[in-house]
Protein backbone atom coordinates (compact mmCIF):
# COMPACT_ATOMS: atom_id res chain seq x y z
CA MET A 1 0.17 -0.02 -0.04
CA ARG A 2 1.34 3.40 -0.86
CA ASN A 3 1.31 6.29 1.46
CA ARG A 4 -0.85 9.37 0.83
CA ASP A 5 1.81 11.64 -0.66
CA LYS A 6 2.97 8.87 -3.11
CA GLY A 7 5.85 7.82 -1.00
CA VAL A 8 7.24 4.37 -0.90
CA ALA A 9 5.47 1.19 0.18
CA ALA A 10 4.36 1.17 3.71
CA SER A 11 6.30 -0.76 6.18
CA PRO A 12 4.74 -2.44 9.28
CA ALA A 13 7.61 -1.03 11.44
CA GLY A 14 8.26 2.70 12.02
CA PRO A 15 11.26 4.53 13.26
CA GLY A 16 10.06 4.26 16.90
CA ASN A 17 9.61 0.50 16.46
CA PRO A 18 12.14 -0.57 13.82
CA LEU A 19 12.56 -4.30 14.85
CA ARG A 20 9.61 -6.52 13.90
CA ARG A 21 8.78 -8.51 17.03
CA PRO A 22 12.30 -8.61 18.34
CA LYS A 23 13.44 -11.72 20.18
CA PRO A 24 14.18 -11.31 23.85
CA LEU A 25 17.89 -11.91 23.42
CA ARG A 26 18.02 -9.17 20.77
CA MET A 27 16.23 -6.94 23.18
CA LEU A 28 18.72 -7.71 25.88
CA TRP A 29 21.48 -6.84 23.39
CA ILE A 30 19.88 -3.44 22.47
CA THR A 31 19.23 -2.60 26.04
CA PHE A 32 22.94 -3.22 26.89
CA ALA A 33 24.18 -1.46 23.84
CA TRP A 34 22.10 1.65 24.55
CA GLY A 35 22.78 1.65 28.21
CA SER A 36 26.56 1.35 27.72
CA CYS A 37 26.48 4.34 25.48
CA PHE A 38 26.05 6.58 28.51
CA LEU A 39 29.28 5.38 30.11
CA ALA A 40 31.03 5.74 26.75
CA ILE A 41 29.61 9.14 26.14
CA ASN A 42 30.67 10.22 29.66
CA ILE A 43 34.21 9.17 28.81
CA GLY A 44 34.15 10.74 25.38
CA LEU A 45 33.04 14.13 26.71
CA LYS A 46 36.65 14.46 28.11
CA ASP A 47 37.82 14.80 24.47
CA ALA A 48 35.01 16.60 22.73
CA PRO A 49 32.45 19.33 23.33
CA VAL A 50 28.87 18.33 24.05
CA LEU A 51 27.05 19.34 20.82
CA TRP A 52 30.00 18.41 18.49
CA PHE A 53 30.26 15.00 19.96
CA ALA A 54 26.45 14.56 19.64
CA ALA A 55 26.46 15.64 16.06
CA LEU A 56 29.32 13.35 15.13
CA ARG A 57 27.35 10.43 16.73
CA ALA A 58 24.17 11.25 14.69
CA LEU A 59 26.02 11.79 11.43
CA LEU A 60 28.15 8.65 11.52
CA ALA A 61 25.11 6.46 12.55
CA GLY A 62 22.85 8.12 9.89
CA GLY A 63 25.61 7.64 7.14
CA ALA A 64 26.08 3.89 8.12
CA LEU A 65 22.27 3.24 7.98
CA LEU A 66 22.00 4.99 4.58
CA ALA A 67 24.95 2.88 3.28
CA VAL A 68 23.17 -0.33 4.35
CA ALA A 69 19.92 0.92 2.96
CA GLY A 70 21.70 1.42 -0.28
CA LEU A 71 23.22 -1.97 -0.38
CA ARG A 72 19.79 -3.47 0.35
CA ARG A 73 18.32 -1.30 -2.36
CA ALA A 74 15.74 0.01 -0.06
CA PRO A 75 13.46 2.68 -1.64
CA MET A 76 14.10 6.21 -0.50
CA PRO A 77 11.36 8.37 1.03
CA ARG A 78 9.35 10.35 -1.37
CA GLY A 79 6.86 13.17 -1.07
CA ARG A 80 6.96 16.56 0.49
CA ARG A 81 4.94 15.52 3.59
CA THR A 82 7.21 12.55 4.22
CA TRP A 83 10.24 14.63 4.01
CA LEU A 84 8.75 17.35 6.29
CA LEU A 85 8.00 14.65 8.88
CA ILE A 86 11.53 13.26 8.58
CA THR A 87 12.93 16.67 9.18
CA VAL A 88 10.74 17.28 12.15
CA LEU A 89 11.61 13.86 13.47
CA GLY A 90 15.34 14.49 13.00
CA VAL A 91 15.12 17.82 14.92
CA VAL A 92 13.04 16.43 17.80
CA ASN A 93 14.39 12.82 18.03
CA VAL A 94 17.95 13.59 17.26
CA SER A 95 18.88 17.34 17.61
CA VAL A 96 17.00 18.00 20.74
CA ALA A 97 17.21 14.51 22.28
CA PHE A 98 20.91 13.98 21.61
CA GLY A 99 21.84 17.42 22.63
CA ALA A 100 19.92 17.15 25.86
CA MET A 101 21.11 13.57 26.49
CA PHE A 102 24.82 14.53 26.12
CA GLY A 103 24.32 17.66 28.05
CA GLY A 104 22.60 15.78 30.82
CA LEU A 105 25.86 13.88 31.56
CA VAL A 106 27.52 16.99 32.51
CA GLY A 107 27.15 17.47 36.28
CA LEU A 108 24.98 14.25 36.73
CA SER A 109 25.98 10.71 37.44
CA THR A 110 25.96 8.27 34.51
CA GLY A 111 23.50 6.00 36.11
CA ALA A 112 21.02 8.72 37.07
CA ALA A 113 21.32 10.35 33.58
CA SER A 114 20.70 6.93 31.78
CA VAL A 115 17.56 6.30 33.89
CA LEU A 116 16.12 9.69 33.37
CA ALA A 117 16.96 9.95 29.70
CA ASN A 118 15.35 6.54 29.02
CA ALA A 119 12.04 7.26 30.77
CA GLN A 120 10.15 7.42 27.35
CA PRO A 121 8.39 4.02 27.89
CA LEU A 122 6.65 5.70 30.86
CA LEU A 123 6.12 9.03 29.22
CA ILE A 124 4.58 7.53 26.05
CA VAL A 125 1.70 5.81 27.77
CA LEU A 126 -0.59 8.73 28.32
CA PRO A 127 -0.06 10.45 25.02
CA ALA A 128 -0.65 7.14 23.14
CA TRP A 129 -3.96 6.64 25.04
CA TRP A 130 -4.98 10.33 24.35
CA ILE A 131 -3.93 10.65 20.66
CA TYR A 132 -4.15 7.07 19.39
CA LYS A 133 -6.77 5.85 21.79
CA GLU A 134 -4.64 2.90 22.96
CA ARG A 135 -6.19 0.90 25.72
CA LEU A 136 -4.85 1.29 29.29
CA SER A 137 -5.24 -1.71 31.50
CA PRO A 138 -5.08 -1.49 35.28
CA ARG A 139 -1.83 -3.53 35.17
CA THR A 140 -0.37 -0.91 32.82
CA LEU A 141 -1.38 1.95 34.96
CA ALA A 142 -0.01 0.19 38.09
CA ALA A 143 3.28 -0.34 36.16
CA VAL A 144 3.52 3.30 35.15
CA GLY A 145 2.87 4.29 38.74
CA VAL A 146 5.75 2.05 39.93
CA GLY A 147 7.87 3.44 37.15
CA PHE A 148 7.43 7.03 38.07
CA ALA A 149 8.06 6.24 41.70
CA GLY A 150 11.37 4.75 40.56
CA LEU A 151 12.15 7.86 38.53
CA LEU A 152 11.57 9.98 41.61
CA ALA A 153 13.80 7.77 43.72
CA VAL A 154 16.61 8.14 41.07
CA ALA A 155 16.08 11.92 40.67
CA ALA A 156 15.66 13.00 44.21
CA PRO A 157 19.28 12.23 45.27
CA SER A 158 20.59 13.91 42.11
CA GLY A 159 18.68 16.99 42.81
CA ALA A 160 16.60 19.07 40.20
CA GLY A 161 19.65 20.39 38.70
CA THR A 162 20.36 21.27 35.03
CA GLY A 163 21.57 17.69 34.27
CA ALA A 164 18.35 16.16 35.50
CA TRP A 165 16.12 18.47 33.59
CA LEU A 166 18.27 17.97 30.35
CA SER A 167 17.96 14.17 30.71
CA LEU A 168 14.17 14.45 31.17
CA THR A 169 14.04 16.74 28.17
CA SER A 170 15.80 14.11 26.15
CA ALA A 171 13.26 11.50 27.23
CA LEU A 172 10.31 13.79 26.40
CA ALA A 173 11.91 14.61 22.92
CA ILE A 174 12.23 10.85 22.28
CA THR A 175 8.71 10.36 23.37
CA ALA A 176 7.54 13.04 20.91
CA GLY A 177 9.61 11.43 18.20
CA THR A 178 8.04 8.13 18.79
CA LEU A 179 4.57 9.62 18.23
CA ILE A 180 5.73 11.56 15.14
CA SER A 181 7.25 8.41 13.71
CA ARG A 182 3.84 6.75 13.72
CA GLN A 183 2.79 9.14 10.87
CA LEU A 184 5.46 7.83 8.58
CA LYS A 185 4.74 4.97 6.29
CA SER A 186 8.07 4.80 4.26
CA ASP A 187 10.52 2.07 4.30
CA VAL A 188 12.01 2.14 7.82
CA LEU A 189 15.83 1.98 7.24
CA PRO A 190 16.14 5.08 4.90
CA VAL A 191 13.81 7.13 7.15
CA ILE A 192 15.87 6.34 10.28
CA GLY A 193 19.14 7.08 8.36
CA TRP A 194 17.95 10.41 6.98
CA HIS A 195 16.47 11.56 10.28
CA PHE A 196 19.86 10.98 11.91
CA VAL A 197 21.72 12.81 9.15
CA LEU A 198 19.30 15.81 9.22
CA GLY A 199 19.23 15.99 12.97
CA GLY A 200 23.05 15.72 13.04
CA VAL A 201 23.32 18.64 10.66
CA VAL A 202 21.17 20.81 12.86
CA LEU A 203 23.30 19.66 15.86
CA ALA A 204 26.41 20.64 13.91
CA LEU A 205 25.07 24.11 13.14
CA ALA A 206 24.14 24.58 16.78
CA ALA A 207 27.65 23.36 17.88
CA TRP A 208 29.25 25.83 15.49
CA LEU A 209 27.24 28.70 16.79
CA THR A 210 27.60 27.89 20.53
CA GLU A 211 30.88 26.05 20.81
CA GLY A 212 32.76 27.44 17.82
CA ALA A 213 35.08 25.39 15.64
CA PRO A 214 35.35 21.67 16.86
CA ALA A 215 38.04 21.54 19.50
CA ILE A 216 38.23 17.76 19.51
CA ASN A 217 41.12 15.61 20.82
CA TRP A 218 41.11 12.89 18.24
CA SER A 219 42.88 10.30 20.55
CA ALA A 220 42.61 6.56 19.98
CA ARG A 221 40.27 6.40 22.98
CA PHE A 222 37.82 8.90 21.49
CA VAL A 223 37.87 7.49 18.04
CA ALA A 224 36.99 4.00 19.55
CA ILE A 225 34.25 5.59 21.67
CA LEU A 226 32.79 7.58 18.81
CA LEU A 227 32.78 4.37 16.65
CA TYR A 228 31.06 2.42 19.34
CA VAL A 229 28.31 4.86 20.20
CA SER A 230 27.66 5.68 16.60
CA LEU A 231 27.91 2.18 14.93
CA VAL A 232 27.27 -0.30 17.74
CA GLY A 233 25.11 1.69 20.19
CA THR A 234 23.10 3.47 17.50
CA ALA A 235 23.14 2.19 13.91
CA ALA A 236 23.38 -1.60 14.66
CA ALA A 237 20.46 -1.41 17.04
CA PHE A 238 18.20 -0.44 14.06
CA LEU A 239 19.28 -3.20 11.84
CA GLY A 240 16.91 -6.14 11.61
């Protein structure tokens, strides 16, 4: 089935849910990869400014995904509405989310930042119920309540400082990105790749305006960390 603006064939998976019914072991791997990125980013920030580091992660991940999409001959997104949604998704889900995520690690413990920045499973429940009329069972509501109690337990010792607010902003941006992604019907891999590239370009522009020319220490440690968070912790997680 074609999407409304004559885009590519619809895919049953969107950018917010790129892996079709992932197996438990794969989900464990993805959870480990994403969680370990926070530790790697915290170390990498010793060698690179916040926004430049975030921009490099997004651009490398997006470029890798587009390269794979090209090898797979995946159809590229088409139509003005599709590209507008991809651009908005890139700004929200990458520029804002990555910028806030990386910034949240400055002055906040890695563990607290990772928990707060990954609160989107809790934050998505009520918007999904309100916008998409998804059913909320008593068990789901109870789980959300327990989850928010856990967030408070993590956030309270850290204080309501800038790092905590930035981490929550990242989670809110990813939540919004998940909702936006449900409007996209194009082939998933090119959409994800392009939204990383476009979001990375916006991050690079913001970095240039606020941090100046990239003052990066291209040590072996930083290169290894950059490749890990970009290719293993980001791009590989979206490959099914």
